[in-house]
């Protein structure tokens, strides 16, 4: 009498909500939206304005 092969065993789902979120994020293939910090955005805007004024585009 032959026995039927059992299904492959999978690891139980982690109970840690952080681990669940990381697993979901890794499985989606998307890294998420990257947002620039407020200070960095302000500096980038100021530098762009200064460059435009030096070129004479600010009139």
N, C-alpha and C. Protein backbone atom coordinates (compact mmCIF):
# COMPACT_ATOMS: atom_id res chain seq x y z
N UNK A 1 0.83 -1.17 0.00
CA UNK A 1 0.00 0.00 0.00
C UNK A 1 0.88 1.24 0.00
N UNK A 2 0.65 2.11 -0.99
CA UNK A 2 1.45 3.33 -1.11
C UNK A 2 0.73 4.48 -0.44
N UNK A 3 1.52 5.36 0.15
CA UNK A 3 0.92 6.55 0.76
C UNK A 3 1.04 7.71 -0.21
N UNK A 4 0.12 8.57 -0.16
CA UNK A 4 0.10 9.75 -1.02
C UNK A 4 1.14 10.75 -0.51
N UNK A 5 1.96 11.34 -1.42
CA UNK A 5 2.96 12.32 -0.95
C UNK A 5 2.25 13.54 -0.37
N UNK A 6 2.80 14.05 0.71
CA UNK A 6 2.17 15.20 1.36
C UNK A 6 2.52 16.48 0.60
N UNK A 7 1.71 17.48 0.77
CA UNK A 7 1.94 18.78 0.14
C UNK A 7 3.16 19.43 0.78
N UNK A 8 3.90 20.23 0.02
CA UNK A 8 5.06 20.90 0.63
C UNK A 8 4.63 21.82 1.77
N UNK A 9 5.41 21.80 2.82
CA UNK A 9 5.10 22.60 3.99
C UNK A 9 5.57 24.03 3.76
N UNK A 10 4.74 25.00 4.10
CA UNK A 10 5.12 26.40 4.00
C UNK A 10 5.27 26.96 5.40
N UNK A 11 6.08 27.98 5.51
CA UNK A 11 6.29 28.61 6.81
C UNK A 11 5.03 29.34 7.23
N UNK A 12 4.71 29.34 8.50
CA UNK A 12 3.52 30.09 8.95
C UNK A 12 3.74 31.59 8.76
N UNK A 13 2.66 32.28 8.58
CA UNK A 13 2.73 33.73 8.37
C UNK A 13 3.30 34.40 9.62
N UNK A 14 4.17 35.38 9.45
CA UNK A 14 4.71 36.06 10.63
C UNK A 14 3.63 36.85 11.36
N UNK A 15 3.74 36.93 12.66
CA UNK A 15 2.76 37.66 13.45
C UNK A 15 3.14 39.12 13.62
N UNK A 16 4.38 39.44 13.30
CA UNK A 16 4.87 40.81 13.45
C UNK A 16 4.29 41.66 12.32
N UNK A 17 3.58 42.74 12.65
CA UNK A 17 2.97 43.58 11.62
C UNK A 17 4.01 44.26 10.74
N UNK A 18 5.19 44.54 11.29
CA UNK A 18 6.25 45.15 10.48
C UNK A 18 6.75 44.15 9.44
N UNK A 19 6.92 42.90 9.86
CA UNK A 19 7.36 41.87 8.92
C UNK A 19 6.32 41.65 7.83
N UNK A 20 5.06 41.71 8.19
CA UNK A 20 4.00 41.57 7.19
C UNK A 20 4.05 42.70 6.17
N UNK A 21 4.24 43.93 6.66
CA UNK A 21 4.29 45.08 5.76
C UNK A 21 5.51 45.00 4.86
N UNK A 22 6.65 44.61 5.39
CA UNK A 22 7.86 44.49 4.57
C UNK A 22 7.69 43.41 3.50
N UNK A 23 7.07 42.31 3.87
CA UNK A 23 6.85 41.23 2.90
C UNK A 23 5.90 41.69 1.80
N UNK A 24 4.87 42.43 2.16
CA UNK A 24 3.92 42.93 1.16
C UNK A 24 4.60 43.93 0.24
N UNK A 25 5.43 44.78 0.81
CA UNK A 25 6.12 45.79 0.01
C UNK A 25 7.12 45.15 -0.94
N UNK A 26 7.86 44.15 -0.44
CA UNK A 26 8.86 43.48 -1.27
C UNK A 26 8.18 42.71 -2.40
N UNK A 27 7.01 42.18 -2.13
CA UNK A 27 6.32 41.39 -3.14
C UNK A 27 5.66 42.23 -4.21
N UNK A 28 5.45 43.51 -3.95
CA UNK A 28 4.73 44.34 -4.91
C UNK A 28 5.62 44.77 -6.07
N UNK A 29 6.92 44.79 -5.86
CA UNK A 29 7.84 45.21 -6.92
C UNK A 29 7.98 46.72 -7.02
N UNK A 30 7.24 47.45 -6.22
CA UNK A 30 7.33 48.90 -6.25
C UNK A 30 8.04 49.40 -5.00
N UNK A 31 8.90 50.35 -5.18
CA UNK A 31 9.66 50.86 -4.03
C UNK A 31 8.88 51.90 -3.26
N UNK A 32 7.82 52.38 -3.80
CA UNK A 32 7.08 53.44 -3.13
C UNK A 32 7.51 54.80 -3.64
N UNK A 33 6.81 55.79 -3.20
CA UNK A 33 7.08 57.15 -3.68
C UNK A 33 8.19 57.77 -2.85
N UNK A 34 9.15 58.36 -3.52
CA UNK A 34 10.25 59.03 -2.84
C UNK A 34 9.93 60.52 -2.79
N UNK A 35 9.85 61.05 -1.60
CA UNK A 35 9.51 62.45 -1.43
C UNK A 35 10.73 63.23 -0.96
N UNK A 36 10.91 64.39 -1.52
CA UNK A 36 12.01 65.25 -1.12
C UNK A 36 11.63 65.98 0.16
N UNK A 37 12.58 66.12 1.06
CA UNK A 37 12.34 66.83 2.31
C UNK A 37 12.01 68.29 2.01
N UNK A 38 11.26 68.91 2.89
CA UNK A 38 10.83 70.29 2.68
C UNK A 38 12.02 71.23 2.56
N UNK A 39 13.02 71.07 3.43
CA UNK A 39 14.20 71.93 3.38
C UNK A 39 14.98 71.74 2.09
N UNK A 40 15.08 70.50 1.63
CA UNK A 40 15.81 70.22 0.39
C UNK A 40 15.07 70.82 -0.81
N UNK A 41 13.75 70.75 -0.79
CA UNK A 41 12.97 71.33 -1.88
C UNK A 41 13.11 72.84 -1.90
N UNK A 42 13.08 73.46 -0.72
CA UNK A 42 13.23 74.91 -0.63
C UNK A 42 14.59 75.35 -1.17
N UNK A 43 15.64 74.61 -0.80
CA UNK A 43 16.98 74.94 -1.28
C UNK A 43 17.08 74.75 -2.80
N UNK A 44 16.52 73.69 -3.32
CA UNK A 44 16.55 73.46 -4.77
C UNK A 44 15.83 74.58 -5.51
N UNK A 45 14.70 75.03 -4.98
CA UNK A 45 13.97 76.13 -5.60
C UNK A 45 14.78 77.42 -5.57
N UNK A 46 15.44 77.68 -4.43
CA UNK A 46 16.23 78.90 -4.30
C UNK A 46 17.43 78.88 -5.26
N UNK A 47 18.12 77.74 -5.36
CA UNK A 47 19.27 77.64 -6.26
C UNK A 47 18.81 77.80 -7.71
N UNK A 48 17.68 77.21 -8.07
CA UNK A 48 17.17 77.36 -9.43
C UNK A 48 16.83 78.81 -9.73
N UNK A 49 16.26 79.52 -8.75
CA UNK A 49 15.93 80.93 -8.93
C UNK A 49 17.20 81.76 -9.09
N UNK A 50 18.22 81.48 -8.28
CA UNK A 50 19.48 82.21 -8.40
C UNK A 50 20.12 81.99 -9.76
N UNK A 51 20.08 80.77 -10.25
CA UNK A 51 20.66 80.49 -11.56
C UNK A 51 19.90 81.20 -12.66
N UNK A 52 18.58 81.24 -12.55
CA UNK A 52 17.77 81.93 -13.54
C UNK A 52 18.06 83.43 -13.53
N UNK A 53 18.23 83.99 -12.34
CA UNK A 53 18.54 85.43 -12.25
C UNK A 53 19.91 85.74 -12.82
N UNK A 54 20.88 84.84 -12.61
CA UNK A 54 22.22 85.07 -13.17
C UNK A 54 22.19 85.02 -14.69
N UNK A 55 21.34 84.16 -15.26
CA UNK A 55 21.23 84.05 -16.72
C UNK A 55 20.43 85.20 -17.32
N UNK A 56 19.66 85.86 -16.49
CA UNK A 56 18.82 86.93 -16.99
C UNK A 56 17.43 86.47 -17.36
N UNK A 57 17.04 85.27 -16.91
CA UNK A 57 15.72 84.74 -17.23
C UNK A 57 14.65 85.19 -16.24
N UNK A 58 15.02 85.91 -15.22
CA UNK A 58 14.07 86.25 -14.18
C UNK A 58 13.25 87.49 -14.42
N UNK A 59 13.34 88.10 -15.57
CA UNK A 59 12.62 89.35 -15.84
C UNK A 59 11.24 89.08 -16.33
